[in-house]
Amino acid sequence: MRDSAGMITQPYHLYVERIAPEKNMARFYALAVQPTLFGEVSLVRAWGRIGTRGQQMVHLFDNESQAINLFLDVLREKRKRGYRPKAPVDIQRI
C-alpha cells in the first residue's frame, strides 16, 4: 500500500464533534494516518473537550492497511455514539 519512497498512498484525516448542550457536552475526536520517521505507519488519535488540548494516543503499524482498519473501526464506533464531521482536521493540531 506504500509507494517505493515509503510514503502513505492516500491521506486519512478526520475531525468529528459531539455537542449536546442539554448535557453540557462539547467533545472532539480527531484521527490521522501518518508515516513515521522510521518507515512505519501510525494512527494518531486525539480527543477531548472542544477548546482544550485534550489527550493523544499513537498506534504504530507495519503497514498502511492495518492502520486504516483501526481508523475505520474507531470511526464506526464514534458515529454510533453521535459524533459528526465538523471541519477538516488541522494536522499540526494533533
N, C-alpha and C. Protein backbone atom coordinates (compact mmCIF):
# COMPACT_ATOMS: atom_id res chain seq x y z
N MET A 1 0.80 -1.20 0.00
CA MET A 1 0.00 0.00 0.00
C MET A 1 0.84 1.26 0.00
N ARG A 2 2.14 1.13 0.23
CA ARG A 2 3.00 2.31 0.18
C ARG A 2 3.80 2.28 -1.11
N ASP A 3 4.17 3.47 -1.60
CA ASP A 3 4.97 3.52 -2.82
C ASP A 3 6.43 3.23 -2.47
N SER A 4 7.30 3.27 -3.48
CA SER A 4 8.70 2.90 -3.27
C SER A 4 9.43 3.86 -2.34
N ALA A 5 8.95 5.09 -2.20
CA ALA A 5 9.59 6.05 -1.31
C ALA A 5 9.13 5.88 0.14
N GLY A 6 8.20 4.94 0.40
CA GLY A 6 7.74 4.71 1.76
C GLY A 6 6.65 5.66 2.20
N MET A 7 6.05 6.34 1.27
CA MET A 7 5.00 7.29 1.62
C MET A 7 3.65 6.59 1.69
N ILE A 8 2.75 7.15 2.46
CA ILE A 8 1.39 6.64 2.54
C ILE A 8 0.69 6.98 1.23
N THR A 9 -0.07 6.02 0.68
CA THR A 9 -0.67 6.20 -0.64
C THR A 9 -1.78 7.23 -0.67
N GLN A 10 -2.50 7.38 0.42
CA GLN A 10 -3.61 8.33 0.46
C GLN A 10 -3.73 8.88 1.88
N PRO A 11 -3.93 10.19 2.03
CA PRO A 11 -4.06 10.73 3.38
C PRO A 11 -5.41 10.36 4.00
N TYR A 12 -5.39 10.05 5.26
CA TYR A 12 -6.61 9.77 6.02
C TYR A 12 -6.61 10.70 7.23
N HIS A 13 -7.52 11.66 7.23
CA HIS A 13 -7.66 12.62 8.33
C HIS A 13 -9.14 12.79 8.62
N LEU A 14 -9.49 12.87 9.88
CA LEU A 14 -10.89 13.03 10.26
C LEU A 14 -10.98 13.85 11.53
N TYR A 15 -11.96 14.74 11.57
CA TYR A 15 -12.27 15.51 12.77
C TYR A 15 -13.77 15.46 12.96
N VAL A 16 -14.23 14.95 14.10
CA VAL A 16 -15.67 14.86 14.39
C VAL A 16 -15.94 15.48 15.75
N GLU A 17 -17.18 15.93 15.92
CA GLU A 17 -17.58 16.53 17.19
C GLU A 17 -18.90 15.93 17.65
N ARG A 18 -19.09 15.98 18.95
CA ARG A 18 -20.36 15.59 19.56
C ARG A 18 -20.74 16.70 20.53
N ILE A 19 -21.82 17.40 20.21
CA ILE A 19 -22.26 18.53 21.01
C ILE A 19 -23.69 18.27 21.48
N ALA A 20 -23.89 18.34 22.79
CA ALA A 20 -25.21 18.18 23.40
C ALA A 20 -25.33 19.22 24.53
N PRO A 21 -25.85 20.42 24.21
CA PRO A 21 -25.93 21.49 25.22
C PRO A 21 -26.70 21.08 26.48
N GLU A 22 -27.73 20.27 26.32
CA GLU A 22 -28.53 19.85 27.48
C GLU A 22 -27.72 18.99 28.46
N LYS A 23 -26.64 18.39 27.97
CA LYS A 23 -25.76 17.58 28.82
C LYS A 23 -24.43 18.29 29.11
N ASN A 24 -24.32 19.55 28.68
CA ASN A 24 -23.08 20.31 28.80
C ASN A 24 -21.92 19.53 28.17
N MET A 25 -22.19 18.94 27.00
CA MET A 25 -21.21 18.11 26.30
C MET A 25 -20.75 18.80 25.02
N ALA A 26 -19.45 18.95 24.88
CA ALA A 26 -18.86 19.50 23.67
C ALA A 26 -17.51 18.81 23.48
N ARG A 27 -17.53 17.70 22.75
CA ARG A 27 -16.34 16.86 22.59
C ARG A 27 -15.85 16.84 21.14
N PHE A 28 -14.56 16.61 20.98
CA PHE A 28 -14.00 16.41 19.65
C PHE A 28 -13.22 15.10 19.63
N TYR A 29 -13.04 14.58 18.42
CA TYR A 29 -12.22 13.39 18.22
C TYR A 29 -11.55 13.55 16.86
N ALA A 30 -10.25 13.40 16.80
CA ALA A 30 -9.51 13.54 15.55
C ALA A 30 -8.68 12.28 15.30
N LEU A 31 -8.63 11.88 14.04
CA LEU A 31 -7.85 10.71 13.62
C LEU A 31 -7.00 11.09 12.42
N ALA A 32 -5.78 10.58 12.35
CA ALA A 32 -4.93 10.81 11.19
C ALA A 32 -3.97 9.64 11.02
N VAL A 33 -3.88 9.13 9.80
CA VAL A 33 -2.90 8.10 9.46
C VAL A 33 -1.69 8.83 8.89
N GLN A 34 -0.52 8.61 9.50
CA GLN A 34 0.69 9.34 9.12
C GLN A 34 1.90 8.41 9.09
N PRO A 35 2.89 8.73 8.25
CA PRO A 35 4.13 7.95 8.27
C PRO A 35 4.99 8.37 9.47
N THR A 36 5.84 7.46 9.93
CA THR A 36 6.80 7.81 10.98
C THR A 36 8.17 8.02 10.34
N LEU A 37 9.10 8.50 11.11
CA LEU A 37 10.46 8.70 10.60
C LEU A 37 11.19 7.39 10.33
N PHE A 38 10.67 6.30 10.87
CA PHE A 38 11.34 5.00 10.76
C PHE A 38 10.68 4.08 9.74
N GLY A 39 9.81 4.63 8.88
CA GLY A 39 9.19 3.84 7.82
C GLY A 39 7.96 3.08 8.23
N GLU A 40 7.51 3.26 9.46
CA GLU A 40 6.27 2.63 9.90
C GLU A 40 5.10 3.55 9.58
N VAL A 41 3.91 3.06 9.86
CA VAL A 41 2.70 3.86 9.68
C VAL A 41 2.08 4.03 11.06
N SER A 42 1.60 5.25 11.34
CA SER A 42 0.98 5.49 12.64
C SER A 42 -0.45 5.99 12.47
N LEU A 43 -1.27 5.67 13.46
CA LEU A 43 -2.60 6.24 13.57
C LEU A 43 -2.57 7.11 14.81
N VAL A 44 -2.77 8.41 14.61
CA VAL A 44 -2.76 9.36 15.72
C VAL A 44 -4.21 9.65 16.08
N ARG A 45 -4.55 9.45 17.36
CA ARG A 45 -5.89 9.72 17.86
C ARG A 45 -5.80 10.84 18.88
N ALA A 46 -6.64 11.87 18.73
CA ALA A 46 -6.68 12.96 19.70
C ALA A 46 -8.14 13.20 20.07
N TRP A 47 -8.40 13.47 21.36
CA TRP A 47 -9.77 13.67 21.80
C TRP A 47 -9.80 14.55 23.04
N GLY A 48 -10.98 15.12 23.29
CA GLY A 48 -11.14 15.93 24.49
C GLY A 48 -12.32 16.87 24.36
N ARG A 49 -12.40 17.82 25.28
CA ARG A 49 -13.45 18.83 25.25
C ARG A 49 -13.05 19.89 24.23
N ILE A 50 -14.01 20.34 23.43
CA ILE A 50 -13.74 21.37 22.43
C ILE A 50 -13.19 22.60 23.14
N GLY A 51 -12.11 23.15 22.60
CA GLY A 51 -11.47 24.32 23.19
C GLY A 51 -10.31 23.99 24.10
N THR A 52 -10.09 22.69 24.34
CA THR A 52 -8.95 22.26 25.15
C THR A 52 -7.97 21.49 24.27
N ARG A 53 -6.81 21.25 24.80
CA ARG A 53 -5.82 20.47 24.06
C ARG A 53 -6.20 18.99 24.02
N GLY A 54 -6.83 18.51 25.06
CA GLY A 54 -7.26 17.12 25.10
C GLY A 54 -6.11 16.15 25.31
N GLN A 55 -6.33 14.93 24.89
CA GLN A 55 -5.35 13.86 25.04
C GLN A 55 -4.98 13.31 23.67
N GLN A 56 -3.93 12.52 23.64
CA GLN A 56 -3.47 11.95 22.36
C GLN A 56 -2.92 10.55 22.58
N MET A 57 -3.12 9.70 21.57
CA MET A 57 -2.59 8.34 21.58
C MET A 57 -2.07 8.04 20.18
N VAL A 58 -0.93 7.36 20.09
CA VAL A 58 -0.35 6.99 18.80
C VAL A 58 -0.23 5.47 18.74
N HIS A 59 -0.76 4.89 17.67
CA HIS A 59 -0.65 3.45 17.41
C HIS A 59 0.32 3.27 16.25
N LEU A 60 1.26 2.33 16.35
CA LEU A 60 2.23 2.07 15.28
C LEU A 60 1.90 0.75 14.58
N PHE A 61 2.07 0.75 13.25
CA PHE A 61 1.76 -0.43 12.44
C PHE A 61 2.88 -0.67 11.44
N ASP A 62 2.99 -1.92 10.99
CA ASP A 62 3.97 -2.27 9.97
C ASP A 62 3.51 -1.88 8.58
N ASN A 63 2.18 -1.81 8.38
CA ASN A 63 1.69 -1.45 7.05
C ASN A 63 0.44 -0.57 7.14
N GLU A 64 0.16 0.09 6.05
CA GLU A 64 -0.92 1.06 5.98
C GLU A 64 -2.30 0.42 6.18
N SER A 65 -2.50 -0.78 5.66
CA SER A 65 -3.83 -1.40 5.75
C SER A 65 -4.23 -1.66 7.20
N GLN A 66 -3.28 -2.00 8.06
CA GLN A 66 -3.60 -2.21 9.48
C GLN A 66 -4.06 -0.90 10.12
N ALA A 67 -3.38 0.19 9.80
CA ALA A 67 -3.75 1.49 10.34
C ALA A 67 -5.12 1.92 9.85
N ILE A 68 -5.40 1.68 8.58
CA ILE A 68 -6.69 2.06 8.00
C ILE A 68 -7.82 1.24 8.62
N ASN A 69 -7.58 -0.03 8.89
CA ASN A 69 -8.60 -0.86 9.53
C ASN A 69 -8.98 -0.31 10.90
N LEU A 70 -7.99 0.07 11.71
CA LEU A 70 -8.30 0.65 13.02
C LEU A 70 -8.98 2.00 12.86
N PHE A 71 -8.51 2.82 11.90
CA PHE A 71 -9.13 4.11 11.60
C PHE A 71 -10.62 3.93 11.35
N LEU A 72 -10.98 2.98 10.50
CA LEU A 72 -12.39 2.75 10.15
C LEU A 72 -13.17 2.17 11.33
N ASP A 73 -12.56 1.31 12.11
CA ASP A 73 -13.23 0.76 13.30
C ASP A 73 -13.56 1.87 14.31
N VAL A 74 -12.59 2.74 14.57
CA VAL A 74 -12.81 3.84 15.51
C VAL A 74 -13.88 4.79 14.96
N LEU A 75 -13.82 5.07 13.66
CA LEU A 75 -14.81 5.95 13.04
C LEU A 75 -16.22 5.38 13.21
N ARG A 76 -16.39 4.09 12.95
CA ARG A 76 -17.72 3.46 13.12
C ARG A 76 -18.22 3.61 14.56
N GLU A 77 -17.34 3.38 15.51
CA GLU A 77 -17.73 3.49 16.92
C GLU A 77 -18.13 4.92 17.28
N LYS A 78 -17.38 5.89 16.80
CA LYS A 78 -17.70 7.29 17.11
C LYS A 78 -19.01 7.72 16.44
N ARG A 79 -19.26 7.25 15.23
CA ARG A 79 -20.53 7.57 14.55
C ARG A 79 -21.71 7.00 15.34
N LYS A 80 -21.56 5.78 15.88
CA LYS A 80 -22.62 5.17 16.69
C LYS A 80 -22.93 6.01 17.93
N ARG A 81 -21.90 6.65 18.47
CA ARG A 81 -22.06 7.45 19.69
C ARG A 81 -22.50 8.88 19.41
N GLY A 82 -22.74 9.22 18.15
CA GLY A 82 -23.28 10.54 17.83
C GLY A 82 -22.29 11.58 17.36
N TYR A 83 -21.05 11.21 17.13
CA TYR A 83 -20.06 12.16 16.61
C TYR A 83 -20.34 12.40 15.13
N ARG A 84 -20.21 13.65 14.70
CA ARG A 84 -20.46 14.02 13.31
C ARG A 84 -19.33 14.92 12.81
N PRO A 85 -19.02 14.87 11.50
CA PRO A 85 -17.95 15.72 10.94
C PRO A 85 -18.26 17.20 11.13
N LYS A 86 -17.23 17.97 11.40
CA LYS A 86 -17.37 19.41 11.57
C LYS A 86 -16.59 20.17 10.52
N ALA A 87 -15.27 19.94 10.48
CA ALA A 87 -14.40 20.66 9.55
C ALA A 87 -13.16 19.80 9.32
N PRO A 88 -12.40 20.08 8.26
CA PRO A 88 -11.16 19.33 8.03
C PRO A 88 -10.22 19.47 9.22
N VAL A 89 -9.53 18.39 9.52
CA VAL A 89 -8.60 18.40 10.65
C VAL A 89 -7.31 19.13 10.28
N ASP A 90 -6.79 19.91 11.23
CA ASP A 90 -5.51 20.59 11.07
C ASP A 90 -4.44 19.65 11.62
N ILE A 91 -3.63 19.09 10.75
CA ILE A 91 -2.64 18.09 11.14
C ILE A 91 -1.69 18.63 12.21
N GLN A 92 -1.37 19.91 12.17
CA GLN A 92 -0.46 20.48 13.15
C GLN A 92 -1.05 20.47 14.55
N ARG A 93 -2.37 20.42 14.64
CA ARG A 93 -3.05 20.43 15.94
C ARG A 93 -2.89 19.10 16.66
N ILE A 94 -2.77 18.02 15.89
CA ILE A 94 -2.68 16.68 16.50
C ILE A 94 -1.30 16.47 17.08
